Amino acid sequence: MYRNCLALIAALSLSGCGLAETAATGATVAQSEAAAAKQATRTEQQVRQQVEAAQQVDAEQRRRAEDNGAN
């Protein structure tokens, strides 16, 4: 019984170190994922702005083409 308790205590103390390391790694991964999500949001906003600008240019070109065709 005494040996079992010592083995259990030793196992728990060693596993505690691993848990702390796992928690630290998890926090680092979470920060990295948060940064990636922010970057993805920025990229999405830039793409939307580019699409809107392209649509405006296209609409202007179509208007000019219609004006020239009507003349």
PDB file of N, CA and C in Angstrom:
ATOM      1  N   MET A   1       0.823  -1.183   0.000  1.00  0.00           N
ATOM      2  CA  MET A   1       0.000   0.000   0.000  1.00  0.00           C
ATOM      3  C   MET A   1       0.873   1.255   0.000  1.00  0.00           C
ATOM      4  N   TYR A   2       1.899   1.251   0.827  1.00  0.00           N
ATOM      5  CA  TYR A   2       2.796   2.394   0.928  1.00  0.00           C
ATOM      6  C   TYR A   2       3.505   2.632  -0.400  1.00  0.00           C
ATOM      7  N   ARG A   3       3.964   1.536  -1.047  1.00  0.00           N
ATOM      8  CA  ARG A   3       4.640   1.660  -2.344  1.00  0.00           C
ATOM      9  C   ARG A   3       3.680   2.206  -3.407  1.00  0.00           C
ATOM     10  N   ASN A   4       2.454   1.756  -3.347  1.00  0.00           N
ATOM     11  CA  ASN A   4       1.468   2.244  -4.310  1.00  0.00           C
ATOM     12  C   ASN A   4       1.246   3.746  -4.152  1.00  0.00           C
ATOM     13  N   CYS A   5       1.198   4.209  -2.915  1.00  0.00           N
ATOM     14  CA  CYS A   5       1.011   5.640  -2.660  1.00  0.00           C
ATOM     15  C   CYS A   5       2.207   6.439  -3.161  1.00  0.00           C
ATOM     16  N   LEU A   6       3.418   5.926  -2.915  1.00  0.00           N
ATOM     17  CA  LEU A   6       4.619   6.616  -3.390  1.00  0.00           C
ATOM     18  C   LEU A   6       4.645   6.669  -4.920  1.00  0.00           C
ATOM     19  N   ALA A   7       4.296   5.563  -5.537  1.00  0.00           N
ATOM     20  CA  ALA A   7       4.269   5.529  -7.000  1.00  0.00           C
ATOM     21  C   ALA A   7       3.231   6.509  -7.537  1.00  0.00           C
ATOM     22  N   LEU A   8       2.090   6.587  -6.891  1.00  0.00           N
ATOM     23  CA  LEU A   8       1.039   7.502  -7.305  1.00  0.00           C
ATOM     24  C   LEU A   8       1.483   8.954  -7.146  1.00  0.00           C
ATOM     25  N   ILE A   9       2.102   9.259  -6.022  1.00  0.00           N
ATOM     26  CA  ILE A   9       2.598  10.617  -5.778  1.00  0.00           C
ATOM     27  C   ILE A   9       3.663  10.991  -6.802  1.00  0.00           C
ATOM     28  N   ALA A  10       4.571  10.080  -7.085  1.00  0.00           N
ATOM     29  CA  ALA A  10       5.612  10.345  -8.075  1.00  0.00           C
ATOM     30  C   ALA A  10       5.007  10.560  -9.459  1.00  0.00           C
ATOM     31  N   ALA A  11       4.054   9.735  -9.801  1.00  0.00           N
ATOM     32  CA  ALA A  11       3.416   9.864 -11.118  1.00  0.00           C
ATOM     33  C   ALA A  11       2.663  11.186 -11.227  1.00  0.00           C
ATOM     34  N   LEU A  12       1.970  11.578 -10.179  1.00  0.00           N
ATOM     35  CA  LEU A  12       1.217  12.830 -10.198  1.00  0.00           C
ATOM     36  C   LEU A  12       2.143  14.043 -10.276  1.00  0.00           C
ATOM     37  N   SER A  13       3.260  13.991  -9.557  1.00  0.00           N
ATOM     38  CA  SER A  13       4.171  15.134  -9.589  1.00  0.00           C
ATOM     39  C   SER A  13       4.822  15.269 -10.955  1.00  0.00           C
ATOM     40  N   LEU A  14       5.151  14.149 -11.590  1.00  0.00           N
ATOM     41  CA  LEU A  14       5.738  14.205 -12.923  1.00  0.00           C
ATOM     42  C   LEU A  14       4.702  14.610 -13.972  1.00  0.00           C
ATOM     43  N   SER A  15       3.497  14.164 -13.808  1.00  0.00           N
ATOM     44  CA  SER A  15       2.462  14.524 -14.777  1.00  0.00           C
ATOM     45  C   SER A  15       2.081  15.989 -14.640  1.00  0.00           C
ATOM     46  N   GLY A  16       2.248  16.543 -13.462  1.00  0.00           N
ATOM     47  CA  GLY A  16       1.975  17.963 -13.256  1.00  0.00           C
ATOM     48  C   GLY A  16       2.873  18.830 -14.106  1.00  0.00           C
ATOM     49  N   CYS A  17       4.114  18.456 -14.278  1.00  0.00           N
ATOM     50  CA  CYS A  17       5.039  19.204 -15.130  1.00  0.00           C
ATOM     51  C   CYS A  17       4.566  19.159 -16.572  1.00  0.00           C
ATOM     52  N   GLY A  18       4.128  18.023 -16.995  1.00  0.00           N
ATOM     53  CA  GLY A  18       3.622  17.888 -18.354  1.00  0.00           C
ATOM     54  C   GLY A  18       2.359  18.699 -18.572  1.00  0.00           C
ATOM     55  N   LEU A  19       1.514  18.750 -17.542  1.00  0.00           N
ATOM     56  CA  LEU A  19       0.290  19.530 -17.663  1.00  0.00           C
ATOM     57  C   LEU A  19       0.598  21.015 -17.782  1.00  0.00           C
ATOM     58  N   ALA A  20       1.560  21.486 -17.025  1.00  0.00           N
ATOM     59  CA  ALA A  20       1.936  22.891 -17.100  1.00  0.00           C
ATOM     60  C   ALA A  20       2.497  23.209 -18.486  1.00  0.00           C
ATOM     61  N   GLU A  21       3.305  22.313 -19.004  1.00  0.00           N
ATOM     62  CA  GLU A  21       3.875  22.523 -20.341  1.00  0.00           C
ATOM     63  C   GLU A  21       2.778  22.492 -21.396  1.00  0.00           C
ATOM     64  N   THR A  22       1.855  21.579 -21.245  1.00  0.00           N
ATOM     65  CA  THR A  22       0.741  21.481 -22.186  1.00  0.00           C
ATOM     66  C   THR A  22      -0.104  22.747 -22.136  1.00  0.00           C
ATOM     67  N   ALA A  23      -0.345  23.274 -20.950  1.00  0.00           N
ATOM     68  CA  ALA A  23      -1.126  24.502 -20.812  1.00  0.00           C
ATOM     69  C   ALA A  23      -0.406  25.670 -21.464  1.00  0.00           C
ATOM     70  N   ALA A  24       0.901  25.759 -21.271  1.00  0.00           N
ATOM     71  CA  ALA A  24       1.671  26.840 -21.882  1.00  0.00           C
ATOM     72  C   ALA A  24       1.658  26.717 -23.398  1.00  0.00           C
ATOM     73  N   THR A  25       1.796  25.507 -23.893  1.00  0.00           N
ATOM     74  CA  THR A  25       1.752  25.286 -25.339  1.00  0.00           C
ATOM     75  C   THR A  25       0.376  25.635 -25.879  1.00  0.00           C
ATOM     76  N   GLY A  26      -0.646  25.266 -25.162  1.00  0.00           N
ATOM     77  CA  GLY A  26      -2.014  25.591 -25.576  1.00  0.00           C
ATOM     78  C   GLY A  26      -2.247  27.088 -25.643  1.00  0.00           C
ATOM     79  N   ALA A  27      -1.707  27.818 -24.676  1.00  0.00           N
ATOM     80  CA  ALA A  27      -1.854  29.275 -24.676  1.00  0.00           C
ATOM     81  C   ALA A  27      -1.130  29.889 -25.867  1.00  0.00           C
ATOM     82  N   THR A  28       0.047  29.372 -26.177  1.00  0.00           N
ATOM     83  CA  THR A  28       0.808  29.875 -27.320  1.00  0.00           C
ATOM     84  C   THR A  28       0.063  29.605 -28.623  1.00  0.00           C
ATOM     85  N   VAL A  29      -0.484  28.420 -28.745  1.00  0.00           N
ATOM     86  CA  VAL A  29      -1.254  28.066 -29.942  1.00  0.00           C
ATOM     87  C   VAL A  29      -2.481  28.964 -30.056  1.00  0.00           C
ATOM     88  N   ALA A  30      -3.140  29.219 -28.950  1.00  0.00           N
ATOM     89  CA  ALA A  30      -4.327  30.072 -28.962  1.00  0.00           C
ATOM     90  C   ALA A  30      -3.975  31.487 -29.409  1.00  0.00           C
ATOM     91  N   GLN A  31      -2.854  32.018 -28.942  1.00  0.00           N
ATOM     92  CA  GLN A  31      -2.425  33.348 -29.358  1.00  0.00           C
ATOM     93  C   GLN A  31      -2.122  33.367 -30.848  1.00  0.00           C
ATOM     94  N   SER A  32      -1.477  32.327 -31.322  1.00  0.00           N
ATOM     95  CA  SER A  32      -1.150  32.228 -32.737  1.00  0.00           C
ATOM     96  C   SER A  32      -2.418  32.159 -33.584  1.00  0.00           C
ATOM     97  N   GLU A  33      -3.380  31.385 -33.143  1.00  0.00           N
ATOM     98  CA  GLU A  33      -4.639  31.270 -33.878  1.00  0.00           C
ATOM     99  C   GLU A  33      -5.406  32.587 -33.853  1.00  0.00           C
ATOM    100  N   ALA A  34      -5.348  33.309 -32.741  1.00  0.00           N
ATOM    101  CA  ALA A  34      -6.022  34.607 -32.657  1.00  0.00           C
ATOM    102  C   ALA A  34      -5.381  35.595 -33.632  1.00  0.00           C
ATOM    103  N   ALA A  35      -4.059  35.584 -33.710  1.00  0.00           N
ATOM    104  CA  ALA A  35      -3.366  36.463 -34.648  1.00  0.00           C
ATOM    105  C   ALA A  35      -3.710  36.090 -36.089  1.00  0.00           C
ATOM    106  N   ALA A  36      -3.798  34.813 -36.360  1.00  0.00           N
ATOM    107  CA  ALA A  36      -4.155  34.363 -37.707  1.00  0.00           C
ATOM    108  C   ALA A  36      -5.587  34.779 -38.049  1.00  0.00           C
ATOM    109  N   ALA A  37      -6.480  34.722 -37.094  1.00  0.00           N
ATOM    110  CA  ALA A  37      -7.866  35.137 -37.322  1.00  0.00           C
ATOM    111  C   ALA A  37      -7.948  36.635 -37.608  1.00  0.00           C
ATOM    112  N   LYS A  38      -7.173  37.434 -36.882  1.00  0.00           N
ATOM    113  CA  LYS A  38      -7.144  38.877 -37.131  1.00  0.00           C
ATOM    114  C   LYS A  38      -6.610  39.167 -38.527  1.00  0.00           C
ATOM    115  N   GLN A  39      -5.556  38.459 -38.912  1.00  0.00           N
ATOM    116  CA  GLN A  39      -4.983  38.652 -40.242  1.00  0.00           C
ATOM    117  C   GLN A  39      -5.981  38.232 -41.316  1.00  0.00           C
ATOM    118  N   ALA A  40      -6.707  37.163 -41.085  1.00  0.00           N
ATOM    119  CA  ALA A  40      -7.710  36.711 -42.047  1.00  0.00           C
ATOM    120  C   ALA A  40      -8.816  37.751 -42.200  1.00  0.00           C
ATOM    121  N   THR A  41      -9.200  38.379 -41.104  1.00  0.00           N
ATOM    122  CA  THR A  41     -10.221  39.423 -41.157  1.00  0.00           C
ATOM    123  C   THR A  41      -9.724  40.605 -41.964  1.00  0.00           C
ATOM    124  N   ARG A  42      -8.470  41.000 -41.738  1.00  0.00           N
ATOM    125  CA  ARG A  42      -7.888  42.100 -42.518  1.00  0.00           C
ATOM    126  C   ARG A  42      -7.850  41.762 -44.001  1.00  0.00           C
ATOM    127  N   THR A  43      -7.433  40.545 -44.301  1.00  0.00           N
ATOM    128  CA  THR A  43      -7.363  40.116 -45.699  1.00  0.00           C
ATOM    129  C   THR A  43      -8.741  40.124 -46.335  1.00  0.00           C
ATOM    130  N   GLU A  44      -9.739  39.651 -45.604  1.00  0.00           N
ATOM    131  CA  GLU A  44     -11.112  39.641 -46.112  1.00  0.00           C
ATOM    132  C   GLU A  44     -11.577  41.064 -46.417  1.00  0.00           C
ATOM    133  N   GLN A  45     -11.285  41.996 -45.532  1.00  0.00           N
ATOM    134  CA  GLN A  45     -11.686  43.391 -45.744  1.00  0.00           C
ATOM    135  C   GLN A  45     -10.995  43.962 -46.980  1.00  0.00           C
ATOM    136  N   GLN A  46      -9.720  43.660 -47.158  1.00  0.00           N
ATOM    137  CA  GLN A  46      -8.988  44.155 -48.326  1.00  0.00           C
ATOM    138  C   GLN A  46      -9.573  43.586 -49.608  1.00  0.00           C
ATOM    139  N   VAL A  47      -9.898  42.307 -49.605  1.00  0.00           N
ATOM    140  CA  VAL A  47     -10.469  41.680 -50.796  1.00  0.00           C
ATOM    141  C   VAL A  47     -11.827  42.296 -51.112  1.00  0.00           C
ATOM    142  N   ARG A  48     -12.633  42.528 -50.094  1.00  0.00           N
ATOM    143  CA  ARG A  48     -13.945  43.155 -50.329  1.00  0.00           C
ATOM    144  C   ARG A  48     -13.778  44.542 -50.937  1.00  0.00           C
ATOM    145  N   GLN A  49     -12.818  45.307 -50.431  1.00  0.00           N
ATOM    146  CA  GLN A  49     -12.581  46.642 -50.973  1.00  0.00           C
ATOM    147  C   GLN A  49     -12.126  46.557 -52.429  1.00  0.00           C
ATOM    148  N   GLN A  50     -11.278  45.597 -52.733  1.00  0.00           N
ATOM    149  CA  GLN A  50     -10.805  45.427 -54.103  1.00  0.00           C
ATOM    150  C   GLN A  50     -11.945  45.022 -55.032  1.00  0.00           C
ATOM    151  N   VAL A  51     -12.820  44.149 -54.564  1.00  0.00           N
ATOM    152  CA  VAL A  51     -13.967  43.724 -55.368  1.00  0.00           C
ATOM    153  C   VAL A  51     -14.891  44.910 -55.617  1.00  0.00           C
ATOM    154  N   GLU A  52     -15.158  45.704 -54.581  1.00  0.00           N
ATOM    155  CA  GLU A  52     -16.015  46.876 -54.742  1.00  0.00           C
ATOM    156  C   GLU A  52     -15.406  47.868 -55.724  1.00  0.00           C
ATOM    157  N   ALA A  53     -14.103  48.079 -55.634  1.00  0.00           N
ATOM    158  CA  ALA A  53     -13.429  48.991 -56.560  1.00  0.00           C
ATOM    159  C   ALA A  53     -13.518  48.463 -57.986  1.00  0.00           C
ATOM    160  N   ALA A  54     -13.332  47.175 -58.172  1.00  0.00           N
ATOM    161  CA  ALA A  54     -13.431  46.575 -59.507  1.00  0.00           C
ATOM    162  C   ALA A  54     -14.848  46.693 -60.046  1.00  0.00           C
ATOM    163  N   GLN A  55     -15.844  46.525 -59.194  1.00  0.00           N
ATOM    164  CA  GLN A  55     -17.233  46.664 -59.625  1.00  0.00           C
ATOM    165  C   GLN A  55     -17.533  48.100 -60.048  1.00  0.00           C
ATOM    166  N   GLN A  56     -16.967  49.060 -59.328  1.00  0.00           N
ATOM    167  CA  GLN A  56     -17.169  50.467 -59.686  1.00  0.00           C
ATOM    168  C   GLN A  56     -16.529  50.779 -61.031  1.00  0.00           C
ATOM    169  N   VAL A  57     -15.320  50.272 -61.254  1.00  0.00           N
ATOM    170  CA  VAL A  57     -14.638  50.485 -62.531  1.00  0.00           C
ATOM    171  C   VAL A  57     -15.440  49.843 -63.654  1.00  0.00           C
ATOM    172  N   ASP A  58     -15.933  48.639 -63.429  1.00  0.00           N
ATOM    173  CA  ASP A  58     -16.727  47.940 -64.437  1.00  0.00           C
ATOM    174  C   ASP A  58     -18.006  48.712 -64.759  1.00  0.00           C
ATOM    175  N   ALA A  59     -18.678  49.204 -63.739  1.00  0.00           N
ATOM    176  CA  ALA A  59     -19.906  49.969 -63.944  1.00  0.00           C
ATOM    177  C   ALA A  59     -19.614  51.251 -64.736  1.00  0.00           C
ATOM    178  N   GLU A  60     -18.520  51.892 -64.422  1.00  0.00           N
ATOM    179  CA  GLU A  60     -18.134  53.113 -65.149  1.00  0.00           C
ATOM    180  C   GLU A  60     -17.813  52.796 -66.609  1.00  0.00           C
ATOM    181  N   GLN A  61     -17.131  51.700 -66.863  1.00  0.00           N
ATOM    182  CA  GLN A  61     -16.809  51.313 -68.237  1.00  0.00           C
ATOM    183  C   GLN A  61     -18.078  50.974 -69.017  1.00  0.00           C
ATOM    184  N   ARG A  62     -19.021  50.292 -68.387  1.00  0.00           N
ATOM    185  CA  ARG A  62     -20.276  49.968 -69.047  1.00  0.00           C
ATOM    186  C   ARG A  62     -21.067  51.236 -69.365  1.00  0.00           C
ATOM    187  N   ARG A  63     -21.085  52.181 -68.437  1.00  0.00           N
ATOM    188  CA  ARG A  63     -21.796  53.447 -68.657  1.00  0.00           C
ATOM    189  C   ARG A  63     -21.192  54.178 -69.840  1.00  0.00           C
ATOM    190  N   ARG A  64     -19.857  54.220 -69.886  1.00  0.00           N
ATOM    191  CA  ARG A  64     -19.180  54.900 -71.008  1.00  0.00           C
ATOM    192  C   ARG A  64     -19.477  54.189 -72.325  1.00  0.00           C
ATOM    193  N   ALA A  65     -19.476  52.873 -72.301  1.00  0.00           N
ATOM    194  CA  ALA A  65     -19.751  52.096 -73.529  1.00  0.00           C
ATOM    195  C   ALA A  65     -21.179  52.352 -73.994  1.00  0.00           C
ATOM    196  N   GLU A  66     -22.121  52.419 -73.068  1.00  0.00           N
ATOM    197  CA  GLU A  66     -23.515  52.711 -73.435  1.00  0.00           C
ATOM    198  C   GLU A  66     -23.659  54.121 -73.988  1.00  0.00           C
ATOM    199  N   ASP A  67     -22.948  55.059 -73.357  1.00  0.00           N
ATOM    200  CA  ASP A  67     -22.991  56.453 -73.852  1.00  0.00           C
ATOM    201  C   ASP A  67     -22.416  56.533 -75.269  1.00  0.00           C
ATOM    202  N   ASN A  68     -21.320  55.841 -75.540  1.00  0.00           N
ATOM    203  CA  ASN A  68     -20.700  55.864 -76.859  1.00  0.00           C
ATOM    204  C   ASN A  68     -21.560  55.139 -77.877  1.00  0.00           C
ATOM    205  N   GLY A  69     -22.256  54.111 -77.466  1.00  0.00           N
ATOM    206  CA  GLY A  69     -23.127  53.378 -78.380  1.00  0.00           C
ATOM    207  C   GLY A  69     -24.381  54.172 -78.737  1.00  0.00           C
ATOM    208  N   ALA A  70     -24.812  55.003 -77.849  1.00  0.00           N
ATOM    209  CA  ALA A  70     -26.005  55.802 -78.084  1.00  0.00           C
ATOM    210  C   ALA A  70     -25.710  56.979 -79.020  1.00  0.00           C
ATOM    211  N   ASN A  71     -24.473  57.372 -79.111  1.00  0.00           N
ATOM    212  CA  ASN A  71     -24.110  58.521 -79.961  1.00  0.00           C
ATOM    213  C   ASN A  71     -23.951  58.102 -81.348  1.00  0.00           C
TER     214      ASN A  71
END
